[in-house]
Amino acid sequence: MLGAIAGDTIGSVYEFNNSKTKDFELFTPASSFTDDSILSVATAEVILSGEQTSQAYSDAYKRYARRYPSPCGGYGARFNEWASSPSSRPYNSWGNGSAMRVSPVGWVCNSWDAVMAEAELTAAVTHDHPEGIKGAQATAGAIYLARAGDSKAMIADKIEAFFGYDLDRDLDELRQVYEYNESCQATVPEAIIAFLAATDFEDAIRNAVSLGGDSDTLTCICGAIAEAFYGGVPEMLAQETLARLDGELRGVVEVFRDRYVAEKV
């Protein structure tokens, strides 16, 4: 999960200042967590409570959105409206918000079926459109497979077979044509491609930022998978990321990591 937050923080300054190159500064004075990290921590808090229900996820997402409002959060308009409403009814979104917040699920579930069920639960409280659910499931599924020790080829094959995503695209060619897109179906596959083309964790993050587009979410998803595959976040990047969290967010992250991240499938 720290890989997701590291990706979000690094990508935060490039979302509206796209960098179509891998040569960029990882952390700047303006680098900060966004809604991707905030809601990932909310997901982790629910899991730590042991009370994973639709209502618990809904309540946590609303609570965290109110505690960390925009512009700090940078939430989408529809999510903001939902978070401030007394209603918990989902709004049929296929946006990539369901995928950006799901990474803790990939660390705690120890079977494919359990990952699919829990990822759907986290998504459907807002993103009940099939593509919104699929994006969360694909992200959490890739993390689970990486934890389990699957090769990149095995991860790609299963994600393609299960979700129908086209992952057989060249990163350099994709970089030339990719544009800003907030949908799951045009964010999750691209984030996975950035991971598949990487040589290590940092390279995965650089790949994701270099695509342009919704940079913080691309890097959040990519970083989450890369952490699981490469056995963690490099210490310097981990410390830079943790230093940018406030005490409350950092506390949840550290408890979650102590409880789950060292565990193996």
Protein backbone atom coordinates (compact mmCIF):
# COMPACT_ATOMS: atom_id res chain seq x y z
CA MET A 1 0.00 0.00 0.00
CA LEU A 2 2.92 2.38 0.60
CA GLY A 3 3.79 1.92 -3.07
CA ALA A 4 0.42 3.38 -4.00
CA ILE A 5 0.96 6.40 -1.75
CA ALA A 6 4.50 6.90 -3.05
CA GLY A 7 3.19 6.82 -6.61
CA ASP A 8 0.41 9.24 -5.79
CA THR A 9 2.77 11.67 -4.08
CA ILE A 10 5.36 11.57 -6.87
CA GLY A 11 2.71 11.86 -9.58
CA SER A 12 0.80 14.66 -7.86
CA VAL A 13 2.78 17.53 -9.39
CA TYR A 14 2.59 16.10 -12.91
CA GLU A 15 -1.17 15.57 -13.25
CA PHE A 16 -1.76 18.95 -14.87
CA ASN A 17 1.85 19.44 -15.91
CA ASN A 18 2.43 16.25 -17.83
CA SER A 19 5.95 14.98 -18.30
CA LYS A 20 6.26 12.78 -21.40
CA THR A 21 9.72 11.71 -20.29
CA LYS A 22 11.22 9.49 -17.61
CA ASP A 23 13.74 12.19 -16.71
CA PHE A 24 12.07 14.19 -13.96
CA GLU A 25 12.48 15.00 -10.26
CA LEU A 26 10.81 12.36 -8.11
CA PHE A 27 10.03 14.64 -5.17
CA THR A 28 9.64 18.40 -5.30
CA PRO A 29 8.65 20.85 -2.55
CA ALA A 30 5.10 20.70 -3.97
CA SER A 31 4.84 16.89 -3.95
CA SER A 32 1.92 15.87 -1.73
CA PHE A 33 -0.58 13.12 -1.10
CA THR A 34 -3.95 13.51 -2.82
CA ASP A 35 -7.35 11.83 -2.72
CA ASP A 36 -5.71 8.61 -3.97
CA SER A 37 -3.71 8.28 -0.76
CA ILE A 38 -6.45 9.60 1.52
CA LEU A 39 -8.99 7.03 0.34
CA SER A 40 -6.41 4.23 0.26
CA VAL A 41 -5.82 4.90 3.96
CA ALA A 42 -9.59 4.88 4.48
CA THR A 43 -9.72 1.43 2.88
CA ALA A 44 -6.89 0.26 5.13
CA GLU A 45 -8.63 1.59 8.24
CA VAL A 46 -11.77 -0.41 7.49
CA ILE A 47 -9.72 -3.56 6.95
CA LEU A 48 -7.84 -3.00 10.20
CA SER A 49 -11.17 -2.70 12.01
CA GLY A 50 -12.18 -6.17 10.85
CA GLU A 51 -15.64 -4.87 9.91
CA GLN A 52 -15.54 -4.91 6.11
CA THR A 53 -19.08 -4.11 5.05
CA SER A 54 -20.50 -1.81 2.40
CA GLN A 55 -21.66 0.56 5.10
CA ALA A 56 -18.24 0.59 6.77
CA TYR A 57 -16.48 1.46 3.51
CA SER A 58 -19.07 4.09 2.67
CA ASP A 59 -18.80 5.69 6.10
CA ALA A 60 -14.98 5.68 5.97
CA TYR A 61 -14.79 7.27 2.52
CA LYS A 62 -17.23 9.99 3.55
CA ARG A 63 -15.42 10.59 6.84
CA TYR A 64 -12.00 10.88 5.24
CA ALA A 65 -13.28 13.12 2.44
CA ARG A 66 -14.73 15.49 5.03
CA ARG A 67 -11.58 15.39 7.13
CA TYR A 68 -9.36 16.07 4.11
CA PRO A 69 -11.46 18.23 1.78
CA SER A 70 -10.43 19.65 -1.57
CA PRO A 71 -8.08 21.15 -2.64
CA CYS A 72 -6.00 18.88 -0.40
CA GLY A 73 -8.02 15.90 -1.56
CA GLY A 74 -8.66 16.86 -5.15
CA TYR A 75 -11.73 14.64 -5.40
CA GLY A 76 -13.91 14.43 -8.47
CA ALA A 77 -17.11 16.46 -8.57
CA ARG A 78 -19.43 13.46 -8.32
CA PHE A 79 -17.50 11.94 -5.42
CA ASN A 80 -17.54 15.29 -3.62
CA GLU A 81 -21.29 15.49 -4.05
CA TRP A 82 -21.71 11.92 -2.77
CA ALA A 83 -19.38 12.50 0.19
CA SER A 84 -21.30 15.57 1.33
CA SER A 85 -24.71 13.96 0.87
CA PRO A 86 -26.61 12.11 3.60
CA SER A 87 -27.31 9.38 1.03
CA SER A 88 -24.95 6.44 0.58
CA ARG A 89 -26.40 5.42 -2.77
CA PRO A 90 -23.68 4.72 -5.40
CA TYR A 91 -23.63 6.79 -8.56
CA ASN A 92 -22.73 4.24 -11.28
CA SER A 93 -19.23 5.62 -11.87
CA TRP A 94 -16.61 3.97 -14.07
CA GLY A 95 -13.97 6.46 -12.97
CA ASN A 96 -10.54 5.37 -11.82
CA GLY A 97 -11.28 6.35 -8.21
CA SER A 98 -12.26 2.77 -7.42
CA ALA A 99 -8.87 1.49 -8.56
CA MET A 100 -6.74 4.12 -6.85
CA ARG A 101 -8.04 3.30 -3.35
CA VAL A 102 -8.11 -0.51 -3.49
CA SER A 103 -4.47 -1.47 -2.91
CA PRO A 104 -4.84 -2.62 0.72
CA VAL A 105 -7.18 -5.38 -0.48
CA GLY A 106 -4.39 -6.96 -2.52
CA TRP A 107 -2.33 -7.36 0.66
CA VAL A 108 -4.90 -8.90 2.98
CA CYS A 109 -6.82 -11.43 0.88
CA ASN A 110 -5.18 -14.79 0.36
CA SER A 111 -7.18 -16.20 -2.53
CA TRP A 112 -8.18 -14.85 -5.94
CA ASP A 113 -11.87 -15.19 -5.14
CA ALA A 114 -11.48 -13.33 -1.86
CA VAL A 115 -9.62 -10.50 -3.62
CA MET A 116 -12.34 -10.22 -6.25
CA ALA A 117 -15.11 -10.10 -3.64
CA GLU A 118 -13.42 -7.56 -1.36
CA ALA A 119 -12.36 -5.32 -4.25
CA GLU A 120 -15.92 -5.25 -5.50
CA LEU A 121 -17.13 -4.36 -2.01
CA THR A 122 -14.78 -1.35 -1.82
CA ALA A 123 -15.71 -0.18 -5.32
CA ALA A 124 -19.45 -0.63 -5.38
CA VAL A 125 -20.28 1.87 -2.63
CA THR A 126 -19.64 4.57 -5.25
CA HIS A 127 -18.40 2.95 -8.48
CA ASP A 128 -21.06 0.33 -9.10
CA HIS A 129 -20.70 0.48 -12.88
CA PRO A 130 -19.16 -2.80 -14.18
CA GLU A 131 -16.05 -0.96 -15.39
CA GLY A 132 -15.61 0.70 -12.00
CA ILE A 133 -15.77 -2.65 -10.27
CA LYS A 134 -13.52 -4.29 -12.87
CA GLY A 135 -10.83 -1.61 -12.45
CA ALA A 136 -10.67 -2.16 -8.71
CA GLN A 137 -10.62 -5.92 -9.11
CA ALA A 138 -7.87 -5.85 -11.74
CA THR A 139 -5.68 -3.61 -9.59
CA ALA A 140 -6.12 -5.65 -6.43
CA GLY A 141 -5.78 -8.87 -8.42
CA ALA A 142 -2.46 -7.80 -9.90
CA ILE A 143 -1.16 -6.93 -6.42
CA TYR A 144 -2.26 -10.33 -5.11
CA LEU A 145 -0.57 -12.17 -7.99
CA ALA A 146 2.63 -10.16 -7.49
CA ARG A 147 2.59 -11.02 -3.78
CA ALA A 148 2.12 -14.66 -4.68
CA GLY A 149 5.34 -14.62 -6.70
CA ASP A 150 3.86 -14.80 -10.20
CA SER A 151 6.06 -13.64 -13.05
CA LYS A 152 5.12 -10.57 -15.04
CA ALA A 153 4.07 -12.77 -17.92
CA MET A 154 1.78 -14.77 -15.63
CA ILE A 155 0.29 -11.60 -14.15
CA ALA A 156 -0.35 -10.15 -17.60
CA ASP A 157 -1.90 -13.36 -18.89
CA LYS A 158 -4.32 -13.69 -15.99
CA ILE A 159 -5.38 -10.04 -15.98
CA GLU A 160 -5.93 -10.11 -19.74
CA ALA A 161 -7.88 -13.37 -19.60
CA PHE A 162 -10.03 -12.34 -16.64
CA PHE A 163 -10.73 -8.72 -17.49
CA GLY A 164 -10.20 -8.44 -21.24
CA TYR A 165 -7.63 -5.65 -20.95
CA ASP A 166 -5.09 -5.30 -23.77
CA LEU A 167 -1.72 -5.31 -22.03
CA ASP A 168 0.29 -6.22 -25.14
CA ARG A 169 1.13 -2.63 -26.04
CA ASP A 170 4.55 -1.04 -26.28
CA LEU A 171 5.13 1.61 -23.59
CA ASP A 172 7.06 3.95 -25.90
CA GLU A 173 4.31 3.84 -28.51
CA LEU A 174 1.61 4.25 -25.88
CA ARG A 175 3.38 7.31 -24.49
CA GLN A 176 3.06 9.06 -27.85
CA VAL A 177 -0.71 8.72 -28.07
CA TYR A 178 -1.96 8.51 -24.49
CA GLU A 179 -4.06 11.42 -23.26
CA TYR A 180 -5.70 12.44 -19.99
CA ASN A 181 -8.44 10.01 -19.08
CA GLU A 182 -10.15 9.40 -15.72
CA SER A 183 -11.92 6.16 -16.62
CA CYS A 184 -10.89 2.81 -15.17
CA GLN A 185 -10.80 1.26 -18.63
CA ALA A 186 -8.24 3.81 -19.90
CA THR A 187 -6.18 4.08 -16.70
CA VAL A 188 -5.82 0.63 -15.12
CA PRO A 189 -4.47 -1.20 -18.20
CA GLU A 190 -2.00 1.61 -18.89
CA ALA A 191 -0.78 1.60 -15.27
CA ILE A 192 -0.25 -2.16 -15.48
CA ILE A 193 1.66 -1.77 -18.77
CA ALA A 194 3.94 0.76 -17.05
CA PHE A 195 4.61 -1.82 -14.33
CA LEU A 196 5.20 -4.64 -16.80
CA ALA A 197 7.81 -2.59 -18.69
CA ALA A 198 9.76 -1.64 -15.56
CA THR A 199 13.09 -2.90 -14.30
CA ASP A 200 12.51 -1.94 -10.64
CA PHE A 201 10.16 0.07 -8.43
CA GLU A 202 11.53 3.49 -9.33
CA ASP A 203 11.49 2.64 -13.03
CA ALA A 204 7.83 1.65 -12.74
CA ILE A 205 6.98 5.04 -11.26
CA ARG A 206 8.95 6.83 -13.97
CA ASN A 207 7.17 4.80 -16.64
CA ALA A 208 3.76 5.72 -15.26
CA VAL A 209 4.50 9.45 -14.97
CA SER A 210 5.96 9.48 -18.48
CA LEU A 211 2.62 8.47 -19.97
CA GLY A 212 1.11 11.82 -19.03
CA GLY A 213 -2.59 11.95 -18.29
CA ASP A 214 -3.97 11.45 -14.79
CA SER A 215 -0.46 11.06 -13.43
CA ASP A 216 -1.12 10.68 -9.71
CA THR A 217 -3.61 7.86 -10.28
CA LEU A 218 -1.51 6.10 -12.92
CA THR A 219 1.45 6.15 -10.55
CA CYS A 220 -0.68 5.16 -7.58
CA ILE A 221 -1.94 2.01 -9.31
CA CYS A 222 1.42 1.20 -10.86
CA GLY A 223 3.28 1.79 -7.60
CA ALA A 224 0.91 -0.46 -5.69
CA ILE A 225 1.63 -3.39 -7.99
CA ALA A 226 5.36 -2.65 -8.18
CA GLU A 227 5.68 -2.66 -4.38
CA ALA A 228 4.23 -6.15 -4.21
CA PHE A 229 6.32 -7.44 -7.11
CA TYR A 230 9.67 -5.95 -6.12
CA GLY A 231 9.36 -6.70 -2.43
CA GLY A 232 8.78 -3.21 -1.10
CA VAL A 233 9.46 0.47 -1.69
CA PRO A 234 13.11 1.60 -1.71
CA GLU A 235 13.97 3.09 1.68
CA MET A 236 14.70 6.59 0.45
CA LEU A 237 11.40 6.76 -1.44
CA ALA A 238 9.55 5.23 1.50
CA GLN A 239 10.89 7.80 3.95
CA GLU A 240 10.23 10.72 1.59
CA THR A 241 6.66 9.50 1.16
CA LEU A 242 5.98 8.94 4.85
CA ALA A 243 7.39 12.35 5.71
CA ARG A 244 4.71 13.99 3.58
CA LEU A 245 1.83 12.31 5.41
CA ASP A 246 0.29 13.86 8.49
CA GLY A 247 0.37 11.95 11.76
CA GLU A 248 -3.08 10.42 11.37
CA LEU A 249 -2.55 9.07 7.86
CA ARG A 250 0.95 7.87 8.65
CA GLY A 251 -0.27 6.10 11.77
CA VAL A 252 -2.78 4.01 9.82
CA VAL A 253 -0.19 3.22 7.14
CA GLU A 254 2.37 2.04 9.67
CA VAL A 255 -0.10 -0.16 11.55
CA PHE A 256 -1.30 -1.68 8.28
CA ARG A 257 2.24 -2.36 7.10
CA ASP A 258 3.21 -3.94 10.41
CA ARG A 259 0.18 -6.22 10.34
CA TYR A 260 -0.04 -7.24 6.69
CA VAL A 261 2.74 -6.23 4.35
CA ALA A 262 5.37 -8.67 5.64
CA GLU A 263 2.97 -11.58 5.22
CA LYS A 264 3.26 -13.93 2.25
CA VAL A 265 0.52 -15.71 0.35
